[in-house]
Structure formats: structure tokens, C-alpha cells
Amino acid sequence: MAATIRDITKMTGLSLATVSKYLNGGNVLPQNRTLIEEAIETLQYEVNEVARGLAKNRTKTIGVLIPNLDNIFAGTIIAHIEDILRQHDYGTIVCDCRSDIALEEQEIKFLLSKRVDGIITIPTSGNPAYLSSAISRNIPIVLIDRTFENTNLDSVLVDNSEASFRAVSTLIDHGHKSIGIICGNDNEYTARERLMGYYKALEMNNRKIELDFVKRGTLTVEHGYEATKSLLTSGNKPTALYLSNYEITLGAIIAINELGINFPEDISIIGFDNLMLSKVVKPKLWMVVQPMEEIASSAAHIMLDRLSKQKETITPDTINPAKHEAVRLNLSTSLLTGESIKKV
């Protein structure tokens, strides 16, 4: 049978209050601390974190809700978030809603039933209503990659519009006039922002916007594959492609290989999101790279600061969550140079 706090009091001869104070991080006399620590080691006592959490109405767990667990962006973010939270004695419950809005709402209810202390999420829905039950309970929420307008929710984003603007401008600087984009649907915040940057680059450089070159769809390998085949087998083909997320980039590369098309000789490419892919694919891809570790670190520290209510700044920009104003971080991407673009 597992040792209890009462077993420690019997072995040490100390009061229940003294032992409890030590176990909860309070200060006790040095000689009492020594007695308690020796008893804990002898008895192999382990703190019942569940019981402690129920008593304090804190479980030391954070819910992490994402659209797809097999998404490399989401998986990388989760790994970094867990590393940081673990250092502060927080565990995570990770849920995957399969990009299903109904399931997303169910998963929020599940996390609340587990009494998580906070929720970090990459939203699938374009409407924040699914978070209302968490908001009504004053559960801290941090959004990643997407946000909702007119809400007071913390969010960590990259400047998606600027990232696309730079990528498409680079293709234009290499002489390309016919540039296609394969992106997500309009109901997705990042897809709208990245498409906006694409349009902005064309307009500012007096390039014609050809709607046939804009392929919206799901952020999947399948969409990247089908859209690329459609663009590159039509009579009016673009000379360059901007592939606006990792899965789309991967699908496009598969389609290009199947079609026997060479890049950059036949088509110039800029991909998105994954450094490893840029190194594996030959010739080396130009890539828009998101600062995934910085995104995860920012989200985790905003959550920890919300939970601890510490009056500390989150970033060098002196954003202070203790003011109880929504924190909205807009981080910058970088453009990794490669060999997948040619001048025309």
C-alpha cells in the first residue's frame, strides 16, 4: 500500500500541519525538513497530484487542441510547448479534432471535464463560440496561428500577409509574371492572410491577377497534389508556384515528380514551413520558414504568466498580460534561399 502523509507524521513525530506545509512548498525548520525528507525517501512517498489539484482547484495540466496531430507544424509546436510546460511542472492533454468543427467543440468539453488549468489551441472553426464554455469559467486560452476578430483572447501569430508578400515579390524579382498560389479556404485565418499577401505583391508590382492561378482548398497533401496537376496540365500554365503550407508543398512536389516536370527549369517554386523538406528535395527549395520554437515558447509563457498572474513582460516589446488585455504577438518569418527559382 502506498505511503500517506500520516505515515510521515508517525515516522517523524511532527504534526500533520508541519508535514503538509512542507509538501505544499512552505518553509519549515531545517531540522524538520531533514526529518521529513528522510521519511519520504524511506517510505517512498509520492505526492498525490490529483488529490492536491482537486483541493486547490488546479490540476497542473494544460489542454492542447489542434486540427491534426500528423500536421508537422502542429506536432513541432506541441513538442516545444511540452518542453517548456514540463519545466514548470505542468503536464499536457493533447487532443486532435481532425479539422472537424463539431469534434473541436466536443474536445473542448472533454478538456474542461478533465479540469485543465488552461487551453492552448490552433483553431479549426472560424467562430469562437466553441470556446464560450471555457471563457465563461475564466479558463486562460491562448490561440496559435489563427485568431478571432473582436475577441479578447491571447494569440500568437506570424505575419502571414507579409510572408506571402515577400515570397511572391521574390518570384516577381526573378522576372515571373504568371504566378500561381495553392492555399487554404477563405474560412481559415492563415489562408486569408497569405492570399492577401499574394494579391498585394501582384498589385504593387503591376502584375495581372489571374483567378485561374488561385487554387483554394484544404491544407492537405491531396490538395497540393491535385491543384498542382491542374495548374501544370492546363493550356494556360504559370511559370512559378507559391505553395502556402507544408502539406501543400509536399503534395505539389509529388505531382511535379509524377508529371516529369523539372524545377526550376520548367517551373519555379517557393514552399512553406519545413526546413527538412528544403534539404531533402533536390534542387534545394526556397522556403518561407516560420519560427516554430519562438511561437511555442511565446504561447507557453503567455499561458504560464496568465496562470501565475505574475507582472512580467513576455517579450522585449514589454507586452504585459497582467493588465488583462489580450496579448497578440505577430512574429516574423524568414525566407530561406534555395535553387528552385530561375530568372525568366
Protein backbone atom coordinates (compact mmCIF):
# COMPACT_ATOMS: atom_id res chain seq x y z
CA MET A 1 0.00 0.00 0.00
CA ALA A 2 1.28 3.46 -0.88
CA ALA A 3 2.57 5.61 1.95
CA THR A 4 0.42 8.51 3.14
CA ILE A 5 1.10 11.82 4.78
CA ARG A 6 0.02 10.30 8.09
CA ASP A 7 2.78 7.70 7.77
CA ILE A 8 5.28 10.56 7.53
CA THR A 9 3.87 12.19 10.69
CA LYS A 10 4.18 8.91 12.58
CA MET A 11 7.77 8.35 11.50
CA THR A 12 8.90 11.92 12.19
CA GLY A 13 6.77 12.70 15.22
CA LEU A 14 5.84 16.03 13.58
CA SER A 15 2.36 17.45 13.30
CA LEU A 16 0.18 16.96 10.25
CA ALA A 17 0.22 20.73 9.69
CA THR A 18 4.04 20.85 9.59
CA VAL A 19 4.34 17.97 7.13
CA SER A 20 1.55 19.39 4.97
CA LYS A 21 3.22 22.80 4.96
CA TYR A 22 6.49 21.27 3.70
CA LEU A 23 4.75 19.23 0.99
CA ASN A 24 2.98 22.36 -0.26
CA GLY A 25 6.22 24.31 -0.59
CA GLY A 26 6.09 26.19 2.70
CA ASN A 27 9.04 26.98 4.97
CA VAL A 28 9.71 24.68 7.90
CA LEU A 29 12.58 24.47 10.38
CA PRO A 30 15.76 22.96 8.89
CA GLN A 31 15.73 20.03 11.32
CA ASN A 32 12.09 19.29 10.48
CA ARG A 33 12.84 19.47 6.76
CA THR A 34 15.59 16.87 7.21
CA LEU A 35 13.26 14.54 9.14
CA ILE A 36 10.52 14.84 6.54
CA GLU A 37 12.85 14.28 3.58
CA GLU A 38 14.37 11.21 5.23
CA ALA A 39 10.89 9.81 5.89
CA ILE A 40 9.80 10.48 2.30
CA GLU A 41 12.82 8.57 1.00
CA THR A 42 12.38 5.67 3.43
CA LEU A 43 8.65 5.35 2.85
CA GLN A 44 8.96 6.05 -0.92
CA TYR A 45 6.17 8.56 -0.50
CA GLU A 46 4.74 10.10 -3.68
CA VAL A 47 2.57 13.20 -3.72
CA ASN A 48 -0.95 12.54 -4.99
CA GLU A 49 -1.07 15.33 -7.55
CA VAL A 50 -4.68 14.57 -8.47
CA ALA A 51 -5.87 14.97 -4.89
CA ARG A 52 -3.73 18.07 -4.45
CA GLY A 53 -5.13 19.55 -7.64
CA LEU A 54 -8.71 18.91 -6.57
CA ALA A 55 -8.08 20.51 -3.21
CA LYS A 56 -6.60 23.62 -4.84
CA ASN A 57 -8.88 23.53 -7.88
CA ARG A 58 -5.73 23.22 -10.01
CA THR A 59 -4.65 20.10 -11.88
CA LYS A 60 -1.31 21.32 -13.27
CA THR A 61 -2.43 20.24 -16.74
CA ILE A 62 -2.87 22.29 -19.90
CA GLY A 63 -5.15 21.20 -22.72
CA VAL A 64 -3.65 21.45 -26.20
CA LEU A 65 -6.21 21.23 -29.02
CA ILE A 66 -5.03 21.06 -32.64
CA PRO A 67 -6.61 20.38 -36.05
CA ASN A 68 -4.40 17.43 -37.00
CA LEU A 69 -1.81 15.57 -34.99
CA ASP A 70 0.00 14.47 -38.16
CA ASN A 71 0.48 18.10 -39.23
CA ILE A 72 4.21 18.82 -38.93
CA PHE A 73 3.63 22.42 -37.82
CA ALA A 74 1.27 21.37 -35.03
CA GLY A 75 3.46 18.46 -33.97
CA THR A 76 6.56 20.65 -33.73
CA ILE A 77 4.68 23.31 -31.76
CA ILE A 78 3.34 20.72 -29.29
CA ALA A 79 6.79 19.28 -28.67
CA HIS A 80 8.25 22.70 -27.79
CA ILE A 81 5.24 23.66 -25.65
CA GLU A 82 5.51 20.43 -23.66
CA ASP A 83 9.23 21.03 -23.06
CA ILE A 84 8.53 24.44 -21.54
CA LEU A 85 5.48 23.44 -19.51
CA ARG A 86 7.29 20.39 -18.14
CA GLN A 87 9.97 22.67 -16.71
CA HIS A 88 7.22 24.37 -14.71
CA ASP A 89 5.66 21.08 -13.53
CA TYR A 90 2.73 21.23 -15.94
CA GLY A 91 1.57 18.28 -17.99
CA THR A 92 -0.47 18.38 -21.20
CA ILE A 93 -3.55 16.64 -22.57
CA VAL A 94 -3.31 16.74 -26.36
CA CYS A 95 -6.48 16.45 -28.45
CA ASP A 96 -6.81 16.20 -32.23
CA CYS A 97 -10.14 17.32 -33.71
CA ARG A 98 -9.31 16.11 -37.26
CA SER A 99 -10.20 19.58 -38.58
CA ASP A 100 -13.82 18.83 -37.68
CA ILE A 101 -15.69 21.79 -36.16
CA ALA A 102 -18.21 19.60 -34.31
CA LEU A 103 -15.44 17.41 -32.89
CA GLU A 104 -13.49 20.52 -31.91
CA GLU A 105 -16.36 21.62 -29.67
CA GLN A 106 -16.58 18.13 -28.16
CA GLU A 107 -12.86 18.14 -27.40
CA ILE A 108 -13.18 21.46 -25.55
CA LYS A 109 -15.89 19.90 -23.37
CA PHE A 110 -13.64 16.89 -22.80
CA LEU A 111 -10.73 19.08 -21.70
CA LEU A 112 -12.98 21.02 -19.34
CA SER A 113 -14.23 17.73 -17.87
CA LYS A 114 -10.58 16.93 -17.11
CA ARG A 115 -10.38 20.27 -15.28
CA VAL A 116 -7.41 21.57 -17.25
CA ASP A 117 -5.98 24.83 -15.93
CA GLY A 118 -5.69 26.38 -19.40
CA ILE A 119 -6.15 25.67 -23.10
CA ILE A 120 -3.69 26.30 -25.94
CA THR A 121 -5.28 25.75 -29.33
CA ILE A 122 -4.82 26.06 -33.07
CA PRO A 123 -8.45 26.77 -34.01
CA THR A 124 -10.28 24.91 -36.74
CA SER A 125 -13.53 26.86 -36.51
CA GLY A 126 -13.78 30.40 -37.82
CA ASN A 127 -16.12 31.22 -34.94
CA PRO A 128 -15.00 31.50 -31.28
CA ALA A 129 -18.38 30.23 -29.98
CA TYR A 130 -16.94 26.77 -29.31
CA LEU A 131 -14.70 28.35 -26.66
CA SER A 132 -17.57 30.04 -24.80
CA SER A 133 -17.80 27.36 -22.09
CA ALA A 134 -14.09 27.75 -21.31
CA ILE A 135 -14.31 31.54 -21.39
CA SER A 136 -17.28 31.53 -19.00
CA ARG A 137 -15.18 29.56 -16.49
CA ASN A 138 -12.30 32.03 -16.78
CA ILE A 139 -10.02 29.34 -18.20
CA PRO A 140 -6.98 31.03 -19.80
CA ILE A 141 -6.92 30.45 -23.56
CA VAL A 142 -4.03 31.05 -25.95
CA LEU A 143 -4.61 30.83 -29.70
CA ILE A 144 -1.82 29.82 -32.08
CA ASP A 145 -1.58 30.51 -35.82
CA ARG A 146 -5.16 31.82 -36.04
CA THR A 147 -7.22 34.42 -34.23
CA PHE A 148 -10.74 35.79 -33.98
CA GLU A 149 -11.54 39.42 -34.54
CA ASN A 150 -13.39 41.34 -31.82
CA THR A 151 -12.42 38.90 -29.07
CA ASN A 152 -10.23 39.42 -26.03
CA LEU A 153 -8.23 36.23 -26.46
CA ASP A 154 -4.44 35.94 -26.37
CA SER A 155 -2.91 34.85 -29.67
CA VAL A 156 0.49 34.09 -31.17
CA LEU A 157 0.70 34.53 -34.92
CA VAL A 158 3.19 35.11 -37.67
CA ASP A 159 2.76 37.95 -40.13
CA ASN A 160 1.25 35.72 -42.81
CA SER A 161 0.43 38.52 -45.22
CA GLU A 162 3.98 39.87 -45.11
CA ALA A 163 5.41 36.36 -45.50
CA SER A 164 3.42 35.84 -48.71
CA PHE A 165 4.20 39.31 -49.95
CA ARG A 166 7.94 38.66 -49.63
CA ALA A 167 7.72 35.23 -51.25
CA VAL A 168 5.69 36.38 -54.26
CA SER A 169 7.78 39.55 -54.61
CA THR A 170 10.87 37.35 -54.81
CA LEU A 171 9.34 35.45 -57.72
CA ILE A 172 8.46 38.76 -59.40
CA ASP A 173 12.03 40.00 -58.86
CA HIS A 174 13.17 36.93 -60.79
CA GLY A 175 11.05 38.05 -63.75
CA HIS A 176 7.95 35.89 -63.26
CA LYS A 177 4.67 37.36 -64.45
CA SER A 178 2.43 34.29 -64.21
CA ILE A 179 2.46 33.13 -60.57
CA GLY A 180 0.07 30.57 -59.14
CA ILE A 181 -0.83 30.08 -55.48
CA ILE A 182 -2.14 26.94 -53.81
CA CYS A 183 -3.69 27.83 -50.48
CA GLY A 184 -6.40 27.07 -47.94
CA ASN A 185 -10.04 28.13 -47.90
CA ASP A 186 -11.34 31.58 -47.02
CA ASN A 187 -12.72 30.36 -43.67
CA GLU A 188 -9.15 29.86 -42.43
CA TYR A 189 -7.42 32.91 -40.98
CA THR A 190 -3.92 31.99 -42.19
CA ALA A 191 -5.18 31.17 -45.68
CA ARG A 192 -6.92 34.54 -45.99
CA GLU A 193 -3.82 36.39 -44.78
CA ARG A 194 -1.45 34.51 -47.09
CA LEU A 195 -3.72 35.05 -50.08
CA MET A 196 -3.93 38.74 -49.19
CA GLY A 197 -0.12 38.97 -49.30
CA TYR A 198 -0.13 37.25 -52.70
CA TYR A 199 -2.63 39.77 -54.10
CA LYS A 200 -0.74 42.68 -52.57
CA ALA A 201 2.56 41.63 -54.19
CA LEU A 202 0.95 41.32 -57.62
CA GLU A 203 -0.86 44.64 -57.34
CA MET A 204 2.16 46.58 -56.08
CA ASN A 205 4.25 45.21 -58.95
CA ASN A 206 1.58 45.85 -61.59
CA ARG A 207 1.09 42.17 -62.27
CA LYS A 208 -2.26 40.90 -63.53
CA ILE A 209 -4.26 38.81 -61.04
CA GLU A 210 -5.42 35.67 -62.82
CA LEU A 211 -8.08 33.91 -60.75
CA ASP A 212 -7.39 30.65 -62.61
CA PHE A 213 -4.00 30.64 -60.90
CA VAL A 214 -5.56 30.78 -57.40
CA LYS A 215 -6.31 27.28 -56.08
CA ARG A 216 -8.14 27.26 -52.74
CA GLY A 217 -8.83 24.08 -50.82
CA THR A 218 -7.91 22.09 -47.74
CA LEU A 219 -4.46 22.42 -46.21
CA THR A 220 -3.55 18.87 -47.21
CA VAL A 221 -1.11 16.89 -49.32
CA GLU A 222 -4.05 15.86 -51.51
CA HIS A 223 -5.00 19.46 -52.30
CA GLY A 224 -1.39 20.35 -53.11
CA TYR A 225 -1.16 17.34 -55.40
CA GLU A 226 -4.44 17.86 -57.28
CA ALA A 227 -4.09 21.64 -57.58
CA THR A 228 -0.55 21.36 -58.94
CA LYS A 229 -1.61 18.80 -61.54
CA SER A 230 -4.50 21.04 -62.55
CA LEU A 231 -2.29 24.12 -62.92
CA LEU A 232 0.56 22.43 -64.76
CA THR A 233 -1.53 20.45 -67.24
CA SER A 234 -3.78 23.33 -68.32
CA GLY A 235 -3.30 25.35 -71.50
CA ASN A 236 -2.51 28.50 -69.54
CA LYS A 237 0.27 27.46 -67.16
CA PRO A 238 2.01 29.66 -64.58
CA THR A 239 5.80 29.90 -64.65
CA ALA A 240 6.03 29.88 -60.85
CA LEU A 241 4.13 28.47 -57.86
CA TYR A 242 3.80 29.74 -54.31
CA LEU A 243 2.85 26.78 -52.09
CA SER A 244 1.40 28.18 -48.89
CA ASN A 245 1.89 25.41 -46.31
CA TYR A 246 3.98 22.29 -45.74
CA GLU A 247 1.39 19.70 -46.73
CA ILE A 248 0.54 21.59 -49.91
CA THR A 249 4.25 21.87 -50.72
CA LEU A 250 4.73 18.14 -50.26
CA GLY A 251 1.74 17.31 -52.46
CA ALA A 252 2.97 19.68 -55.15
CA ILE A 253 6.43 18.07 -55.22
CA ILE A 254 4.84 14.63 -55.62
CA ALA A 255 2.70 15.88 -58.52
CA ILE A 256 5.66 17.59 -60.23
CA ASN A 257 7.71 14.40 -59.99
CA GLU A 258 4.85 12.30 -61.41
CA LEU A 259 4.39 14.73 -64.31
CA GLY A 260 8.10 14.52 -65.12
CA ILE A 261 8.45 18.27 -64.79
CA ASN A 262 11.78 19.70 -63.70
CA PHE A 263 12.23 22.66 -61.42
CA PRO A 264 13.44 25.32 -61.71
CA GLU A 265 13.83 24.67 -65.47
CA ASP A 266 10.10 24.18 -66.13
CA ILE A 267 8.51 25.69 -63.03
CA SER A 268 9.89 27.87 -60.21
CA ILE A 269 8.73 27.12 -56.65
CA ILE A 270 8.62 28.67 -53.21
CA GLY A 271 7.35 26.36 -50.46
CA PHE A 272 6.33 26.86 -46.88
CA ASP A 273 7.11 25.67 -43.37
CA ASN A 274 9.64 22.84 -43.25
CA LEU A 275 13.41 23.22 -43.26
CA MET A 276 14.00 19.47 -43.53
CA LEU A 277 11.99 19.26 -46.75
CA SER A 278 14.11 22.02 -48.26
CA LYS A 279 17.21 19.93 -47.58
CA VAL A 280 15.79 16.59 -48.76
CA VAL A 281 14.32 17.78 -52.07
CA LYS A 282 16.77 18.40 -54.89
CA PRO A 283 17.32 21.02 -56.07
CA LYS A 284 17.07 22.75 -52.71
CA LEU A 285 13.78 24.57 -52.21
CA TRP A 286 13.23 28.21 -51.44
CA MET A 287 11.07 28.14 -48.30
CA VAL A 288 9.11 30.50 -46.08
CA VAL A 289 10.17 29.41 -42.59
CA GLN A 290 8.05 30.03 -39.51
CA PRO A 291 9.81 30.49 -36.14
CA MET A 292 8.13 27.44 -34.61
CA GLU A 293 10.20 27.35 -31.43
CA GLU A 294 9.51 31.05 -30.81
CA ILE A 295 5.79 30.54 -31.46
CA ALA A 296 5.63 27.66 -28.98
CA SER A 297 7.73 29.47 -26.39
CA SER A 298 5.59 32.60 -26.61
CA ALA A 299 2.34 30.63 -26.28
CA ALA A 300 3.61 28.60 -23.32
CA HIS A 301 4.93 31.64 -21.47
CA ILE A 302 1.77 33.65 -22.04
CA MET A 303 -0.16 30.73 -20.54
CA LEU A 304 2.19 30.40 -17.57
CA ASP A 305 2.01 34.13 -16.92
CA ARG A 306 -1.78 34.07 -17.07
CA LEU A 307 -1.83 31.20 -14.59
CA SER A 308 0.68 32.66 -12.19
CA LYS A 309 -0.61 36.23 -12.57
CA GLN A 310 2.96 37.43 -12.45
CA LYS A 311 3.53 41.01 -13.56
CA GLU A 312 6.27 40.21 -16.01
CA THR A 313 6.80 41.14 -19.61
CA ILE A 314 6.52 38.42 -22.20
CA THR A 315 8.68 39.92 -24.89
CA PRO A 316 11.20 42.71 -25.26
CA ASP A 317 8.27 44.77 -26.54
CA THR A 318 7.07 44.97 -22.92
CA ILE A 319 3.68 43.40 -23.50
CA ASN A 320 2.28 42.77 -20.04
CA PRO A 321 -0.51 40.18 -19.64
CA ALA A 322 -1.08 41.31 -16.06
CA LYS A 323 -3.03 44.24 -17.49
CA HIS A 324 -5.63 41.66 -18.57
CA GLU A 325 -5.61 42.96 -22.10
CA ALA A 326 -5.39 40.45 -24.90
CA VAL A 327 -1.82 39.72 -25.95
CA ARG A 328 -1.41 39.46 -29.70
CA LEU A 329 2.09 38.62 -30.85
CA ASN A 330 2.86 38.95 -34.55
CA LEU A 331 6.15 37.17 -35.21
CA SER A 332 8.22 37.40 -38.38
CA THR A 333 9.01 34.61 -40.82
CA SER A 334 12.25 34.20 -42.74
CA LEU A 335 12.77 33.33 -46.41
CA LEU A 336 15.27 30.53 -46.89
CA THR A 337 17.09 30.78 -50.21
CA GLY A 338 17.47 27.75 -52.42
CA GLU A 339 17.77 26.62 -56.03
CA SER A 340 14.12 26.18 -57.00
CA ILE A 341 13.70 29.57 -58.72
CA LYS A 342 15.13 30.64 -62.04
CA LYS A 343 15.18 34.03 -63.71
CA VAL A 344 12.93 34.42 -66.74
